[in-house]
PDB file of N, CA and C in Angstrom:
ATOM      1  N   MET A   1      83.799   7.113 -66.748  1.00  0.00           N
ATOM      2  CA  MET A   1      84.282   6.037 -66.362  1.00  0.00           C
ATOM      3  C   MET A   1      82.485   5.035 -65.869  1.00  0.00           C
ATOM      4  N   GLN A   2      82.654   4.447 -66.178  1.00  0.00           N
ATOM      5  CA  GLN A   2      81.195   3.439 -66.284  1.00  0.00           C
ATOM      6  C   GLN A   2      81.003   2.624 -64.927  1.00  0.00           C
ATOM      7  N   ARG A   3      79.894   2.820 -64.726  1.00  0.00           N
ATOM      8  CA  ARG A   3      78.810   2.143 -63.465  1.00  0.00           C
ATOM      9  C   ARG A   3      78.430   0.819 -63.811  1.00  0.00           C
ATOM     10  N   THR A   4      78.744  -0.258 -63.188  1.00  0.00           N
ATOM     11  CA  THR A   4      78.517  -1.207 -63.551  1.00  0.00           C
ATOM     12  C   THR A   4      77.403  -1.903 -62.333  1.00  0.00           C
ATOM     13  N   ARG A   5      76.106  -1.734 -62.723  1.00  0.00           N
ATOM     14  CA  ARG A   5      74.261  -2.222 -62.118  1.00  0.00           C
ATOM     15  C   ARG A   5      74.116  -3.879 -61.701  1.00  0.00           C
ATOM     16  N   ASP A   6      74.204  -4.326 -60.822  1.00  0.00           N
ATOM     17  CA  ASP A   6      73.849  -5.716 -60.761  1.00  0.00           C
ATOM     18  C   ASP A   6      72.705  -6.005 -61.034  1.00  0.00           C
ATOM     19  N   ARG A   7      72.345  -6.782 -62.470  1.00  0.00           N
ATOM     20  CA  ARG A   7      71.085  -6.544 -63.062  1.00  0.00           C
ATOM     21  C   ARG A   7      70.663  -8.503 -63.296  1.00  0.00           C
ATOM     22  N   ALA A   8      69.139  -8.112 -63.220  1.00  0.00           N
ATOM     23  CA  ALA A   8      69.166  -9.663 -63.277  1.00  0.00           C
ATOM     24  C   ALA A   8      68.986 -10.278 -64.813  1.00  0.00           C
ATOM     25  N   PRO A   9      70.084 -11.972 -64.745  1.00  0.00           N
ATOM     26  CA  PRO A   9      69.735 -12.125 -65.987  1.00  0.00           C
ATOM     27  C   PRO A   9      68.802 -12.033 -66.981  1.00  0.00           C
ATOM     28  N   PRO A  10      69.287 -12.079 -68.494  1.00  0.00           N
ATOM     29  CA  PRO A  10      68.038 -12.217 -69.917  1.00  0.00           C
ATOM     30  C   PRO A  10      67.047 -12.986 -69.302  1.00  0.00           C
ATOM     31  N   HIS A  11      67.245 -13.502 -69.082  1.00  0.00           N
ATOM     32  CA  HIS A  11      66.026 -14.891 -68.525  1.00  0.00           C
ATOM     33  C   HIS A  11      64.342 -14.395 -68.205  1.00  0.00           C
ATOM     34  N   GLN A  12      65.298 -14.031 -66.992  1.00  0.00           N
ATOM     35  CA  GLN A  12      64.764 -13.581 -66.205  1.00  0.00           C
ATOM     36  C   GLN A  12      64.153 -12.338 -66.401  1.00  0.00           C
ATOM     37  N   ASP A  13      64.623 -12.136 -66.424  1.00  0.00           N
ATOM     38  CA  ASP A  13      64.082  -9.823 -67.194  1.00  0.00           C
ATOM     39  C   ASP A  13      62.867 -10.428 -68.224  1.00  0.00           C
ATOM     40  N   GLN A  14      63.167 -11.385 -69.181  1.00  0.00           N
ATOM     41  CA  GLN A  14      62.191 -11.784 -69.963  1.00  0.00           C
ATOM     42  C   GLN A  14      60.836 -12.559 -69.526  1.00  0.00           C
ATOM     43  N   ALA A  15      61.155 -13.191 -68.299  1.00  0.00           N
ATOM     44  CA  ALA A  15      59.888 -13.394 -67.682  1.00  0.00           C
ATOM     45  C   ALA A  15      59.489 -12.333 -67.051  1.00  0.00           C
ATOM     46  N   SER A  16      59.670 -11.538 -66.582  1.00  0.00           N
ATOM     47  CA  SER A  16      59.109 -10.365 -65.630  1.00  0.00           C
ATOM     48  C   SER A  16      58.168  -9.518 -66.703  1.00  0.00           C
ATOM     49  N   LEU A  17      58.969  -9.844 -67.845  1.00  0.00           N
ATOM     50  CA  LEU A  17      58.103  -8.501 -68.700  1.00  0.00           C
ATOM     51  C   LEU A  17      57.345  -9.343 -69.165  1.00  0.00           C
ATOM     52  N   ASP A  18      57.114 -10.442 -69.853  1.00  0.00           N
ATOM     53  CA  ASP A  18      55.924 -11.717 -70.555  1.00  0.00           C
ATOM     54  C   ASP A  18      54.824 -11.379 -69.154  1.00  0.00           C
ATOM     55  N   ASP A  19      55.327 -11.623 -67.968  1.00  0.00           N
ATOM     56  CA  ASP A  19      54.059 -12.007 -66.382  1.00  0.00           C
ATOM     57  C   ASP A  19      53.786 -10.119 -66.766  1.00  0.00           C
ATOM     58  N   PHE A  20      54.550  -9.365 -66.989  1.00  0.00           N
ATOM     59  CA  PHE A  20      53.471  -7.895 -66.905  1.00  0.00           C
ATOM     60  C   PHE A  20      52.707  -7.925 -68.598  1.00  0.00           C
ATOM     61  N   ILE A  21      53.026  -7.846 -68.943  1.00  0.00           N
ATOM     62  CA  ILE A  21      52.468  -7.989 -70.424  1.00  0.00           C
ATOM     63  C   ILE A  21      51.189  -9.237 -70.081  1.00  0.00           C
ATOM     64  N   ASN A  22      51.182 -10.662 -69.831  1.00  0.00           N
ATOM     65  CA  ASN A  22      49.696 -10.938 -69.686  1.00  0.00           C
ATOM     66  C   ASN A  22      48.762 -10.719 -68.486  1.00  0.00           C
ATOM     67  N   ALA A  23      49.757 -10.179 -67.774  1.00  0.00           N
ATOM     68  CA  ALA A  23      48.707  -9.181 -66.620  1.00  0.00           C
ATOM     69  C   ALA A  23      47.717  -8.481 -66.907  1.00  0.00           C
ATOM     70  N   TYR A  24      48.635  -7.343 -67.783  1.00  0.00           N
ATOM     71  CA  TYR A  24      47.981  -6.110 -68.454  1.00  0.00           C
ATOM     72  C   TYR A  24      47.126  -6.496 -69.297  1.00  0.00           C
ATOM     73  N   ASN A  25      47.480  -7.595 -70.389  1.00  0.00           N
ATOM     74  CA  ASN A  25      46.340  -7.367 -71.107  1.00  0.00           C
ATOM     75  C   ASN A  25      45.072  -8.278 -70.698  1.00  0.00           C
ATOM     76  N   ASP A  26      45.712  -9.699 -69.584  1.00  0.00           N
ATOM     77  CA  ASP A  26      44.177 -10.051 -69.256  1.00  0.00           C
ATOM     78  C   ASP A  26      43.108  -9.088 -68.517  1.00  0.00           C
ATOM     79  N   GLY A  27      44.041  -8.251 -67.816  1.00  0.00           N
ATOM     80  CA  GLY A  27      43.359  -7.175 -66.788  1.00  0.00           C
ATOM     81  C   GLY A  27      42.789  -5.829 -66.898  1.00  0.00           C
ATOM     82  N   ARG A  28      42.800  -5.830 -68.174  1.00  0.00           N
ATOM     83  CA  ARG A  28      42.611  -4.045 -68.261  1.00  0.00           C
ATOM     84  C   ARG A  28      41.143  -4.740 -69.735  1.00  0.00           C
ATOM     85  N   ARG A  29      40.712  -3.264 -69.388  1.00  0.00           N
ATOM     86  CA  ARG A  29      38.843  -3.352 -69.836  1.00  0.00           C
ATOM     87  C   ARG A  29      39.199  -2.567 -71.077  1.00  0.00           C
ATOM     88  N   LEU A  30      38.796  -2.521 -72.516  1.00  0.00           N
ATOM     89  CA  LEU A  30      38.913  -2.161 -73.291  1.00  0.00           C
ATOM     90  C   LEU A  30      37.204  -1.539 -73.696  1.00  0.00           C
ATOM     91  N   THR A  31      37.331  -0.330 -74.103  1.00  0.00           N
ATOM     92  CA  THR A  31      35.901   0.328 -74.396  1.00  0.00           C
ATOM     93  C   THR A  31      35.550  -0.151 -76.148  1.00  0.00           C
ATOM     94  N   THR A  32      36.319  -0.659 -76.530  1.00  0.00           N
ATOM     95  CA  THR A  32      35.890  -1.224 -78.343  1.00  0.00           C
ATOM     96  C   THR A  32      35.764  -2.595 -77.943  1.00  0.00           C
ATOM     97  N   LEU A  33      35.897  -3.140 -76.824  1.00  0.00           N
ATOM     98  CA  LEU A  33      35.063  -4.782 -76.506  1.00  0.00           C
ATOM     99  C   LEU A  33      33.765  -4.464 -75.948  1.00  0.00           C
ATOM    100  N   LYS A  34      33.742  -2.927 -75.922  1.00  0.00           N
ATOM    101  CA  LYS A  34      32.315  -3.335 -74.690  1.00  0.00           C
ATOM    102  C   LYS A  34      32.693  -3.737 -72.761  1.00  0.00           C
ATOM    103  N   GLY A  35      33.789  -3.194 -72.493  1.00  0.00           N
ATOM    104  CA  GLY A  35      33.864  -3.254 -70.680  1.00  0.00           C
ATOM    105  C   GLY A  35      34.680  -4.711 -71.067  1.00  0.00           C
ATOM    106  N   LEU A  36      34.684  -6.137 -72.056  1.00  0.00           N
ATOM    107  CA  LEU A  36      35.718  -7.037 -71.926  1.00  0.00           C
ATOM    108  C   LEU A  36      36.573  -6.777 -72.145  1.00  0.00           C
ATOM    109  N   THR A  37      37.512  -7.974 -71.435  1.00  0.00           N
ATOM    110  CA  THR A  37      38.543  -8.123 -71.474  1.00  0.00           C
ATOM    111  C   THR A  37      39.030  -9.017 -73.309  1.00  0.00           C
ATOM    112  N   PRO A  38      40.052  -8.862 -74.056  1.00  0.00           N
ATOM    113  CA  PRO A  38      40.534  -9.400 -75.474  1.00  0.00           C
ATOM    114  C   PRO A  38      39.841 -11.152 -74.692  1.00  0.00           C
ATOM    115  N   PHE A  39      40.431 -11.976 -74.348  1.00  0.00           N
ATOM    116  CA  PHE A  39      40.350 -13.109 -73.367  1.00  0.00           C
ATOM    117  C   PHE A  39      38.747 -13.345 -73.239  1.00  0.00           C
ATOM    118  N   GLU A  40      37.924 -12.236 -73.334  1.00  0.00           N
ATOM    119  CA  GLU A  40      36.453 -12.766 -72.758  1.00  0.00           C
ATOM    120  C   GLU A  40      35.628 -12.483 -73.923  1.00  0.00           C
ATOM    121  N   ASP A  41      36.292 -11.508 -74.829  1.00  0.00           N
ATOM    122  CA  ASP A  41      35.200 -11.271 -75.903  1.00  0.00           C
ATOM    123  C   ASP A  41      35.951 -12.116 -77.220  1.00  0.00           C
ATOM    124  N   ILE A  42      36.781 -12.790 -77.205  1.00  0.00           N
ATOM    125  CA  ILE A  42      37.172 -13.884 -78.183  1.00  0.00           C
ATOM    126  C   ILE A  42      36.500 -14.884 -77.905  1.00  0.00           C
ATOM    127  N   GLY A  43      36.071 -15.257 -75.834  1.00  0.00           N
ATOM    128  CA  GLY A  43      35.544 -16.459 -75.809  1.00  0.00           C
ATOM    129  C   GLY A  43      34.214 -16.455 -76.215  1.00  0.00           C
ATOM    130  N   ASN A  44      33.119 -15.651 -75.815  1.00  0.00           N
ATOM    131  CA  ASN A  44      32.037 -14.775 -76.132  1.00  0.00           C
ATOM    132  C   ASN A  44      31.994 -15.243 -77.860  1.00  0.00           C
ATOM    133  N   ILE A  45      32.880 -14.630 -78.886  1.00  0.00           N
ATOM    134  CA  ILE A  45      32.801 -14.661 -80.111  1.00  0.00           C
ATOM    135  C   ILE A  45      33.144 -16.675 -80.843  1.00  0.00           C
ATOM    136  N   TRP A  46      33.462 -17.066 -80.013  1.00  0.00           N
ATOM    137  CA  TRP A  46      33.764 -18.479 -80.309  1.00  0.00           C
ATOM    138  C   TRP A  46      32.373 -19.250 -79.885  1.00  0.00           C
ATOM    139  N   THR A  47      32.028 -18.850 -78.753  1.00  0.00           N
ATOM    140  CA  THR A  47      30.228 -19.473 -78.574  1.00  0.00           C
ATOM    141  C   THR A  47      29.382 -19.006 -79.615  1.00  0.00           C
ATOM    142  N   GLN A  48      29.318 -17.595 -79.824  1.00  0.00           N
ATOM    143  CA  GLN A  48      28.004 -17.639 -81.034  1.00  0.00           C
ATOM    144  C   GLN A  48      28.780 -17.723 -82.235  1.00  0.00           C
ATOM    145  N   GLU A  49      29.765 -17.831 -82.592  1.00  0.00           N
ATOM    146  CA  GLU A  49      29.995 -17.994 -84.321  1.00  0.00           C
ATOM    147  C   GLU A  49      31.660 -19.588 -83.977  1.00  0.00           C
ATOM    148  N   PRO A  50      31.373 -20.512 -83.781  1.00  0.00           N
ATOM    149  CA  PRO A  50      32.407 -21.469 -83.745  1.00  0.00           C
ATOM    150  C   PRO A  50      33.111 -22.148 -85.029  1.00  0.00           C
ATOM    151  N   GLU A  51      32.520 -21.927 -85.874  1.00  0.00           N
ATOM    152  CA  GLU A  51      32.596 -21.997 -87.379  1.00  0.00           C
ATOM    153  C   GLU A  51      34.206 -20.884 -87.801  1.00  0.00           C
ATOM    154  N   ARG A  52      33.870 -19.674 -86.975  1.00  0.00           N
ATOM    155  CA  ARG A  52      34.951 -18.896 -87.529  1.00  0.00           C
ATOM    156  C   ARG A  52      35.906 -19.741 -87.039  1.00  0.00           C
ATOM    157  N   PHE A  53      36.437 -20.323 -86.483  1.00  0.00           N
ATOM    158  CA  PHE A  53      37.981 -20.744 -85.566  1.00  0.00           C
ATOM    159  C   PHE A  53      37.874 -22.491 -85.618  1.00  0.00           C
ATOM    160  N   THR A  54      39.296 -22.435 -86.282  1.00  0.00           N
ATOM    161  CA  THR A  54      39.410 -23.748 -86.448  1.00  0.00           C
ATOM    162  C   THR A  54      39.951 -24.779 -84.957  1.00  0.00           C
ATOM    163  N   ALA A  55      39.925 -23.948 -84.618  1.00  0.00           N
ATOM    164  CA  ALA A  55      40.534 -24.993 -82.390  1.00  0.00           C
ATOM    165  C   ALA A  55      40.061 -23.901 -81.964  1.00  0.00           C
ATOM    166  N   ASN A  56      39.790 -24.660 -80.676  1.00  0.00           N
ATOM    167  CA  ASN A  56      39.258 -23.921 -79.145  1.00  0.00           C
ATOM    168  C   ASN A  56      40.256 -22.591 -78.723  1.00  0.00           C
ATOM    169  N   PRO A  57      39.957 -21.531 -78.796  1.00  0.00           N
ATOM    170  CA  PRO A  57      41.063 -20.397 -78.722  1.00  0.00           C
ATOM    171  C   PRO A  57      41.536 -20.624 -77.241  1.00  0.00           C
ATOM    172  N   THR A  58      40.641 -21.107 -76.204  1.00  0.00           N
ATOM    173  CA  THR A  58      41.345 -20.611 -74.907  1.00  0.00           C
ATOM    174  C   THR A  58      41.994 -21.821 -74.453  1.00  0.00           C
ATOM    175  N   HIS A  59      42.419 -22.870 -75.874  1.00  0.00           N
ATOM    176  CA  HIS A  59      43.992 -23.872 -75.697  1.00  0.00           C
ATOM    177  C   HIS A  59      44.934 -22.971 -75.727  1.00  0.00           C
ATOM    178  N   HIS A  60      45.209 -22.065 -76.216  1.00  0.00           N
ATOM    179  CA  HIS A  60      46.044 -21.293 -76.933  1.00  0.00           C
ATOM    180  C   HIS A  60      46.054 -19.875 -76.268  1.00  0.00           C
ATOM    181  N   MET A  61      45.275 -20.073 -75.374  1.00  0.00           N
ATOM    182  CA  MET A  61      45.779 -18.606 -74.699  1.00  0.00           C
ATOM    183  C   MET A  61      46.515 -18.590 -73.298  1.00  0.00           C
ATOM    184  N   LEU A  62      47.350 -18.148 -72.472  1.00  0.00           N
ATOM    185  CA  LEU A  62      48.090 -18.182 -71.772  1.00  0.00           C
ATOM    186  C   LEU A  62      47.532 -17.867 -70.192  1.00  0.00           C
ATOM    187  N   ARG A  63      46.688 -18.762 -69.400  1.00  0.00           N
ATOM    188  CA  ARG A  63      46.053 -18.114 -68.295  1.00  0.00           C
ATOM    189  C   ARG A  63      46.561 -19.448 -67.103  1.00  0.00           C
ATOM    190  N   GLN A  64      46.458 -18.936 -66.150  1.00  0.00           N
ATOM    191  CA  GLN A  64      46.279 -19.576 -65.135  1.00  0.00           C
ATOM    192  C   GLN A  64      45.710 -20.528 -64.554  1.00  0.00           C
ATOM    193  N   ASN A  65      46.455 -21.730 -64.173  1.00  0.00           N
ATOM    194  CA  ASN A  65      45.689 -23.087 -63.943  1.00  0.00           C
ATOM    195  C   ASN A  65      44.656 -23.106 -62.814  1.00  0.00           C
ATOM    196  N   THR A  66      43.506 -22.788 -62.502  1.00  0.00           N
ATOM    197  CA  THR A  66      42.999 -23.251 -61.585  1.00  0.00           C
ATOM    198  C   THR A  66      41.531 -23.788 -61.476  1.00  0.00           C
TER     199      THR A  66
END
């Protein structure tokens, strides 16, 4: 006999996973990036070498509107 569980709809599962991944990627510090988050490192590179980017990279990153 198989048990059924009450589960959230798939779109809620995906939203929860996306929230977790965004928080993890934004909050963790990487030693390979000299202690910066990926967002901070890309911002620093863009400031120093803007010719490497075709558009402002901060316009394509998911961030809270603050």
